[in-house]
């Protein structure tokens, strides 16, 4: 099992990395700074939106689930999914990234 960073530190690292690559990133919602889960809202511009939910693989490694499915969705669908998840988990972080290439800023496998 890998050591886990506090959520706030993971998000700060992603912000710095996006700054290096000139990728727009916004923390749309702050959750629990130590152990809040992260939802990524990826704006792939003409390719639509994807929401990725933070998860852990079978051996504890960081992974991401395609929460809105394998195919891109429109922004309203992505926002509705995020709103439902925030209602269920008040500690949740929501990070929005605008990147047509959907580069793996947070690392981990996409499931």
N, C-alpha and C. Protein backbone atom coordinates (compact mmCIF):
# COMPACT_ATOMS: atom_id res chain seq x y z
N UNK A 1 0.85 -1.18 0.00
CA UNK A 1 0.00 0.00 0.00
C UNK A 1 0.90 1.25 0.00
N UNK A 2 0.61 2.18 -0.88
CA UNK A 2 1.42 3.40 -0.97
C UNK A 2 1.03 4.40 0.11
N UNK A 3 1.98 5.23 0.48
CA UNK A 3 1.69 6.30 1.44
C UNK A 3 0.74 7.29 0.78
N UNK A 4 -0.18 7.82 1.56
CA UNK A 4 -1.17 8.74 1.01
C UNK A 4 -0.91 10.16 1.48
N UNK A 5 -0.89 11.05 0.52
CA UNK A 5 -0.76 12.47 0.82
C UNK A 5 -2.10 13.02 1.29
N UNK A 6 -2.04 14.07 2.06
CA UNK A 6 -3.27 14.76 2.41
C UNK A 6 -3.86 15.34 1.14
N UNK A 7 -5.16 15.38 1.08
CA UNK A 7 -5.85 15.84 -0.13
C UNK A 7 -5.41 17.24 -0.52
N UNK A 8 -5.30 18.13 0.44
CA UNK A 8 -4.90 19.50 0.15
C UNK A 8 -3.55 19.54 -0.57
N UNK A 9 -2.61 18.71 -0.15
CA UNK A 9 -1.30 18.66 -0.79
C UNK A 9 -1.38 18.11 -2.21
N UNK A 10 -2.21 17.10 -2.42
CA UNK A 10 -2.39 16.55 -3.77
C UNK A 10 -2.93 17.63 -4.72
N UNK A 11 -3.91 18.37 -4.24
CA UNK A 11 -4.52 19.42 -5.07
C UNK A 11 -3.51 20.54 -5.34
N UNK A 12 -2.76 20.94 -4.32
CA UNK A 12 -1.75 21.98 -4.53
C UNK A 12 -0.70 21.54 -5.55
N UNK A 13 -0.29 20.28 -5.49
CA UNK A 13 0.68 19.76 -6.45
C UNK A 13 0.11 19.79 -7.87
N UNK A 14 -1.16 19.43 -8.00
CA UNK A 14 -1.82 19.45 -9.32
C UNK A 14 -1.90 20.88 -9.87
N UNK A 15 -2.18 21.83 -8.99
CA UNK A 15 -2.24 23.23 -9.42
C UNK A 15 -0.88 23.68 -9.94
N UNK A 16 0.17 23.32 -9.25
CA UNK A 16 1.52 23.70 -9.70
C UNK A 16 1.86 23.04 -11.04
N UNK A 17 1.54 21.76 -11.16
CA UNK A 17 1.83 21.05 -12.40
C UNK A 17 1.05 21.65 -13.56
N UNK A 18 -0.21 21.99 -13.34
CA UNK A 18 -1.00 22.63 -14.39
C UNK A 18 -0.41 23.98 -14.75
N UNK A 19 0.12 24.70 -13.77
CA UNK A 19 0.77 25.97 -14.05
C UNK A 19 1.98 25.81 -14.95
N UNK A 20 2.75 24.76 -14.73
CA UNK A 20 3.93 24.49 -15.56
C UNK A 20 3.53 24.24 -17.00
N UNK A 21 2.43 23.50 -17.20
CA UNK A 21 1.99 23.15 -18.55
C UNK A 21 0.94 24.11 -19.12
N UNK A 22 0.66 25.20 -18.41
CA UNK A 22 -0.33 26.19 -18.83
C UNK A 22 -1.69 25.56 -19.08
N UNK A 23 -2.10 24.69 -18.16
CA UNK A 23 -3.41 24.04 -18.22
C UNK A 23 -4.31 24.74 -17.20
N UNK A 24 -5.44 25.29 -17.63
CA UNK A 24 -6.34 25.93 -16.68
C UNK A 24 -6.90 24.93 -15.66
N UNK A 25 -6.83 25.29 -14.39
CA UNK A 25 -7.33 24.46 -13.30
C UNK A 25 -7.99 25.36 -12.26
N UNK A 26 -9.10 24.88 -11.70
CA UNK A 26 -9.83 25.63 -10.68
C UNK A 26 -10.29 24.65 -9.61
N UNK A 27 -10.10 25.04 -8.36
CA UNK A 27 -10.69 24.27 -7.27
C UNK A 27 -12.10 24.82 -7.09
N UNK A 28 -13.07 24.10 -7.59
CA UNK A 28 -14.46 24.56 -7.55
C UNK A 28 -15.09 24.35 -6.18
N UNK A 29 -14.55 23.38 -5.43
CA UNK A 29 -15.09 23.10 -4.10
C UNK A 29 -13.99 22.49 -3.25
N UNK A 30 -13.82 23.04 -2.07
CA UNK A 30 -12.85 22.49 -1.11
C UNK A 30 -13.58 21.57 -0.15
N UNK A 31 -12.99 20.41 0.05
CA UNK A 31 -13.54 19.46 1.02
C UNK A 31 -12.62 19.34 2.21
N UNK A 32 -12.65 18.20 2.85
CA UNK A 32 -11.79 17.95 3.99
C UNK A 32 -10.32 17.98 3.54
N UNK A 33 -9.51 18.81 4.21
CA UNK A 33 -8.13 19.02 3.78
C UNK A 33 -7.25 17.79 3.96
N UNK A 34 -7.59 16.93 4.88
CA UNK A 34 -6.76 15.77 5.14
C UNK A 34 -7.15 14.54 4.33
N UNK A 35 -8.44 14.23 4.30
CA UNK A 35 -8.83 12.96 3.70
C UNK A 35 -10.04 13.03 2.78
N UNK A 36 -10.40 14.22 2.32
CA UNK A 36 -11.53 14.33 1.40
C UNK A 36 -11.21 13.69 0.06
N UNK A 37 -12.18 13.03 -0.52
CA UNK A 37 -12.02 12.45 -1.85
C UNK A 37 -12.07 13.56 -2.89
N UNK A 38 -11.58 13.26 -4.10
CA UNK A 38 -11.52 14.25 -5.16
C UNK A 38 -12.36 13.79 -6.36
N UNK A 39 -13.14 14.72 -6.90
CA UNK A 39 -13.80 14.53 -8.19
C UNK A 39 -13.11 15.47 -9.17
N UNK A 40 -12.74 14.94 -10.32
CA UNK A 40 -12.16 15.77 -11.38
C UNK A 40 -13.20 15.98 -12.47
N UNK A 41 -13.44 17.22 -12.79
CA UNK A 41 -14.31 17.56 -13.92
C UNK A 41 -13.38 18.00 -15.05
N UNK A 42 -13.25 17.16 -16.05
CA UNK A 42 -12.36 17.43 -17.17
C UNK A 42 -13.15 18.04 -18.32
N UNK A 43 -12.79 19.25 -18.69
CA UNK A 43 -13.38 19.92 -19.84
C UNK A 43 -12.44 19.67 -21.01
N UNK A 44 -12.88 18.80 -21.92
CA UNK A 44 -12.04 18.46 -23.06
C UNK A 44 -12.45 19.27 -24.27
N UNK A 45 -13.06 20.42 -24.01
CA UNK A 45 -13.53 21.37 -25.02
C UNK A 45 -14.45 20.69 -26.02
N UNK A 46 -14.07 20.61 -27.27
CA UNK A 46 -14.98 20.06 -28.29
C UNK A 46 -15.23 18.56 -28.09
N UNK A 47 -14.46 17.92 -27.21
CA UNK A 47 -14.64 16.49 -26.94
C UNK A 47 -15.60 16.22 -25.78
N UNK A 48 -16.14 17.26 -25.18
CA UNK A 48 -17.10 17.09 -24.09
C UNK A 48 -16.45 17.05 -22.72
N UNK A 49 -17.21 16.61 -21.74
CA UNK A 49 -16.78 16.59 -20.35
C UNK A 49 -16.70 15.16 -19.84
N UNK A 50 -15.82 14.96 -18.87
CA UNK A 50 -15.71 13.69 -18.17
C UNK A 50 -15.57 14.01 -16.70
N UNK A 51 -16.18 13.20 -15.86
CA UNK A 51 -15.98 13.32 -14.42
C UNK A 51 -15.28 12.06 -13.97
N UNK A 52 -14.15 12.25 -13.29
CA UNK A 52 -13.39 11.13 -12.75
C UNK A 52 -13.48 11.17 -11.24
N UNK A 53 -13.77 10.02 -10.64
CA UNK A 53 -13.87 9.91 -9.19
C UNK A 53 -12.64 9.20 -8.64
N UNK A 54 -12.06 9.77 -7.61
CA UNK A 54 -10.89 9.17 -6.99
C UNK A 54 -11.26 7.84 -6.37
N UNK A 55 -10.39 6.86 -6.58
CA UNK A 55 -10.62 5.52 -6.05
C UNK A 55 -9.26 4.90 -5.71
N UNK A 56 -9.29 3.72 -5.21
CA UNK A 56 -8.07 2.95 -4.93
C UNK A 56 -8.19 1.60 -5.62
N UNK A 57 -7.06 1.15 -6.20
CA UNK A 57 -7.02 -0.15 -6.84
C UNK A 57 -6.98 -1.26 -5.80
N UNK A 58 -6.92 -2.50 -6.27
CA UNK A 58 -6.97 -3.65 -5.38
C UNK A 58 -5.82 -3.70 -4.37
N UNK A 59 -4.68 -3.11 -4.72
CA UNK A 59 -3.56 -3.10 -3.77
C UNK A 59 -3.34 -1.71 -3.16
N UNK A 60 -4.34 -0.85 -3.23
CA UNK A 60 -4.30 0.44 -2.57
C UNK A 60 -3.75 1.59 -3.39
N UNK A 61 -3.36 1.34 -4.64
CA UNK A 61 -2.80 2.40 -5.48
C UNK A 61 -3.89 3.35 -5.96
N UNK A 62 -3.49 4.59 -6.24
CA UNK A 62 -4.42 5.60 -6.73
C UNK A 62 -4.98 5.20 -8.08
N UNK A 63 -6.28 5.36 -8.23
CA UNK A 63 -6.95 5.08 -9.50
C UNK A 63 -8.09 6.06 -9.65
N UNK A 64 -8.62 6.15 -10.86
CA UNK A 64 -9.73 7.05 -11.15
C UNK A 64 -10.81 6.28 -11.91
N UNK A 65 -12.04 6.43 -11.47
CA UNK A 65 -13.19 5.80 -12.15
C UNK A 65 -13.85 6.82 -13.06
N UNK A 66 -14.21 6.39 -14.24
CA UNK A 66 -14.97 7.26 -15.16
C UNK A 66 -16.40 7.32 -14.64
N UNK A 67 -16.65 8.28 -13.77
CA UNK A 67 -17.91 8.36 -13.05
C UNK A 67 -19.11 8.61 -13.96
N UNK A 68 -18.91 9.32 -15.05
CA UNK A 68 -20.02 9.62 -15.97
C UNK A 68 -20.02 8.68 -17.17
N UNK A 69 -19.26 7.61 -17.09
CA UNK A 69 -19.24 6.62 -18.16
C UNK A 69 -18.06 6.81 -19.10
N UNK A 70 -17.92 5.88 -20.02
CA UNK A 70 -16.78 5.87 -20.94
C UNK A 70 -16.84 7.00 -21.97
N UNK A 71 -18.04 7.41 -22.33
CA UNK A 71 -18.20 8.45 -23.34
C UNK A 71 -18.32 9.83 -22.70
N UNK A 72 -17.83 10.87 -23.38
CA UNK A 72 -17.98 12.23 -22.86
C UNK A 72 -19.45 12.61 -22.72
N UNK A 73 -19.70 13.54 -21.80
CA UNK A 73 -21.07 14.02 -21.57
C UNK A 73 -21.08 15.54 -21.72
N UNK A 74 -22.27 16.13 -21.74
CA UNK A 74 -22.34 17.59 -21.78
C UNK A 74 -22.12 18.15 -20.37
N UNK A 75 -21.92 19.45 -20.29
CA UNK A 75 -21.59 20.06 -19.00
C UNK A 75 -22.72 19.94 -17.99
N UNK A 76 -23.96 20.03 -18.43
CA UNK A 76 -25.09 19.91 -17.50
C UNK A 76 -25.12 18.53 -16.84
N UNK A 77 -24.84 17.50 -17.60
CA UNK A 77 -24.81 16.14 -17.06
C UNK A 77 -23.67 15.99 -16.06
N UNK A 78 -22.50 16.54 -16.40
CA UNK A 78 -21.35 16.49 -15.49
C UNK A 78 -21.68 17.23 -14.19
N UNK A 79 -22.26 18.41 -14.30
CA UNK A 79 -22.60 19.20 -13.11
C UNK A 79 -23.65 18.50 -12.24
N UNK A 80 -24.62 17.86 -12.87
CA UNK A 80 -25.66 17.15 -12.12
C UNK A 80 -25.04 15.99 -11.33
N UNK A 81 -24.14 15.26 -11.95
CA UNK A 81 -23.47 14.17 -11.26
C UNK A 81 -22.69 14.70 -10.05
N UNK A 82 -21.94 15.77 -10.28
CA UNK A 82 -21.13 16.36 -9.20
C UNK A 82 -22.03 16.83 -8.05
N UNK A 83 -23.13 17.47 -8.37
CA UNK A 83 -24.06 17.95 -7.32
C UNK A 83 -24.59 16.79 -6.48
N UNK A 84 -24.94 15.69 -7.12
CA UNK A 84 -25.42 14.51 -6.37
C UNK A 84 -24.34 13.97 -5.44
N UNK A 85 -23.12 13.94 -5.90
CA UNK A 85 -22.02 13.41 -5.08
C UNK A 85 -21.71 14.34 -3.91
N UNK A 86 -21.75 15.64 -4.14
CA UNK A 86 -21.51 16.60 -3.06
C UNK A 86 -22.59 16.49 -1.99
N UNK A 87 -23.84 16.25 -2.40
CA UNK A 87 -24.93 16.06 -1.44
C UNK A 87 -24.65 14.85 -0.55
N UNK A 88 -24.05 13.80 -1.12
CA UNK A 88 -23.76 12.58 -0.37
C UNK A 88 -22.52 12.69 0.50
N UNK A 89 -21.53 13.48 0.04
CA UNK A 89 -20.25 13.55 0.72
C UNK A 89 -19.82 15.01 0.89
N UNK A 90 -20.07 15.60 2.06
CA UNK A 90 -19.72 17.00 2.26
C UNK A 90 -18.21 17.25 2.33
N UNK A 91 -17.39 16.20 2.44
CA UNK A 91 -15.94 16.35 2.50
C UNK A 91 -15.29 16.32 1.12
N UNK A 92 -16.08 16.21 0.07
CA UNK A 92 -15.59 16.04 -1.29
C UNK A 92 -14.97 17.31 -1.86
N UNK A 93 -13.85 17.14 -2.57
CA UNK A 93 -13.22 18.22 -3.34
C UNK A 93 -13.68 18.10 -4.78
N UNK A 94 -13.87 19.22 -5.46
CA UNK A 94 -14.18 19.22 -6.89
C UNK A 94 -13.13 20.11 -7.57
N UNK A 95 -12.40 19.49 -8.50
CA UNK A 95 -11.34 20.19 -9.22
C UNK A 95 -11.69 20.16 -10.70
N UNK A 96 -11.71 21.34 -11.32
CA UNK A 96 -12.03 21.43 -12.74
C UNK A 96 -10.76 21.72 -13.53
N UNK A 97 -10.54 20.92 -14.57
CA UNK A 97 -9.35 21.07 -15.41
C UNK A 97 -9.81 21.18 -16.86
N UNK A 98 -9.31 22.18 -17.57
CA UNK A 98 -9.63 22.37 -18.98
C UNK A 98 -8.43 21.90 -19.80
N UNK A 99 -8.57 20.71 -20.37
CA UNK A 99 -7.46 20.13 -21.12
C UNK A 99 -8.00 19.17 -22.18
N UNK A 100 -7.97 19.57 -23.44
CA UNK A 100 -8.47 18.69 -24.51
C UNK A 100 -7.75 17.35 -24.56
N UNK A 101 -6.49 17.32 -24.09
CA UNK A 101 -5.71 16.08 -24.12
C UNK A 101 -5.95 15.19 -22.90
N UNK A 102 -6.63 15.71 -21.89
CA UNK A 102 -6.93 14.96 -20.65
C UNK A 102 -5.68 14.31 -20.06
N UNK A 103 -4.62 15.10 -19.93
CA UNK A 103 -3.38 14.58 -19.35
C UNK A 103 -3.58 14.18 -17.90
N UNK A 104 -2.89 13.15 -17.44
CA UNK A 104 -3.07 12.63 -16.07
C UNK A 104 -2.37 13.49 -15.02
N UNK A 105 -2.92 14.61 -14.70
CA UNK A 105 -2.30 15.56 -13.77
C UNK A 105 -2.13 14.95 -12.38
N UNK A 106 -3.09 14.19 -11.93
CA UNK A 106 -3.03 13.60 -10.60
C UNK A 106 -2.35 12.24 -10.59
N UNK A 107 -2.00 11.71 -11.76
CA UNK A 107 -1.42 10.37 -11.81
C UNK A 107 -2.48 9.31 -11.56
N UNK A 108 -2.06 8.08 -11.47
CA UNK A 108 -2.98 6.98 -11.23
C UNK A 108 -3.57 6.44 -12.52
N UNK A 109 -4.11 5.27 -12.41
CA UNK A 109 -4.73 4.58 -13.54
C UNK A 109 -6.18 5.00 -13.70
N UNK A 110 -6.65 5.13 -14.92
CA UNK A 110 -8.07 5.40 -15.17
C UNK A 110 -8.75 4.08 -15.47
N UNK A 111 -9.74 3.76 -14.65
CA UNK A 111 -10.46 2.49 -14.79
C UNK A 111 -11.75 2.67 -15.55
